[in-house]
Protein backbone atom coordinates (compact mmCIF):
# COMPACT_ATOMS: atom_id res chain seq x y z
CA UNK A 1 -28.89 -1.73 11.40
CA UNK A 2 -24.81 -0.87 12.05
CA UNK A 3 -22.03 0.99 11.11
CA UNK A 4 -18.28 -0.45 11.55
CA UNK A 5 -15.83 2.18 11.86
CA UNK A 6 -12.37 0.97 11.87
CA UNK A 7 -9.71 2.96 14.47
CA UNK A 8 -6.24 3.27 13.66
CA UNK A 9 -4.96 4.60 17.29
CA UNK A 10 -8.03 3.22 19.68
CA UNK A 11 -5.82 1.60 22.50
CA UNK A 12 -7.79 1.77 25.80
CA UNK A 13 -6.17 4.53 28.49
CA UNK A 14 -6.87 4.71 31.90
CA UNK A 15 -6.14 7.64 33.48
CA UNK A 16 -7.42 9.12 36.91
CA UNK A 17 -10.53 11.26 34.90
CA UNK A 18 -11.38 7.74 33.24
CA UNK A 19 -15.02 7.13 35.43
CA UNK A 20 -15.91 11.07 35.00
CA UNK A 21 -14.91 11.19 31.15
CA UNK A 22 -16.81 7.45 30.89
CA UNK A 23 -20.33 9.33 31.81
CA UNK A 24 -20.10 12.06 29.59
CA UNK A 25 -18.94 9.90 26.41
CA UNK A 26 -21.83 7.30 27.57
CA UNK A 27 -24.54 9.91 28.18
CA UNK A 28 -23.85 11.57 24.94
CA UNK A 29 -23.76 8.17 23.07
CA UNK A 30 -27.29 7.04 24.78
CA UNK A 31 -28.51 10.50 24.00
CA UNK A 32 -28.14 9.88 20.11
CA UNK A 33 -29.60 6.34 20.40
CA UNK A 34 -26.19 4.46 20.71
CA UNK A 35 -25.64 1.94 23.48
CA UNK A 36 -22.37 1.13 24.20
CA UNK A 37 -20.88 -2.28 24.45
CA UNK A 38 -17.83 -4.45 23.82
CA UNK A 39 -14.08 -3.64 24.44
CA UNK A 40 -14.18 -0.18 22.11
CA UNK A 41 -17.63 0.90 22.52
CA UNK A 42 -17.20 0.67 26.30
CA UNK A 43 -13.27 1.83 26.60
CA UNK A 44 -12.68 -1.24 28.79
CA UNK A 45 -9.93 -3.46 28.55
CA UNK A 46 -12.34 -6.81 27.96
CA UNK A 47 -10.63 -10.24 26.84
CA UNK A 48 -12.67 -12.15 24.34
CA UNK A 49 -15.22 -13.89 26.92
CA UNK A 50 -16.08 -10.72 28.50
CA UNK A 51 -16.56 -9.09 25.02
CA UNK A 52 -19.03 -11.23 24.39
CA UNK A 53 -20.83 -11.30 27.65
CA UNK A 54 -20.77 -7.23 27.04
CA UNK A 55 -22.49 -7.98 23.96
CA UNK A 56 -25.10 -10.58 25.20
CA UNK A 57 -26.05 -8.18 28.09
CA UNK A 58 -26.52 -5.37 25.74
CA UNK A 59 -28.61 -7.41 23.65
CA UNK A 60 -30.83 -8.68 26.56
CA UNK A 61 -30.86 -4.57 27.21
CA UNK A 62 -32.16 -3.59 24.17
CA UNK A 63 -34.89 -6.58 23.74
CA UNK A 64 -36.12 -5.52 26.72
CA UNK A 65 -36.83 -1.94 25.86
CA UNK A 66 -40.52 -1.04 24.93
CA UNK A 67 -40.50 -0.45 21.35
């Protein structure tokens, strides 16, 4: 099951607080059963091949977790 959402203003912005903010965001998402992946899910400027790699790595992670 997945949900797609279009975001009008979702360009990735890097700043000095980025790492600490990402820790908070990732923790929140994982507490709610969401594993961030891809360009917008990980808040990273990824090109197409790195986006696909991110999705594959996330799929491997989720498939390796006990049910």
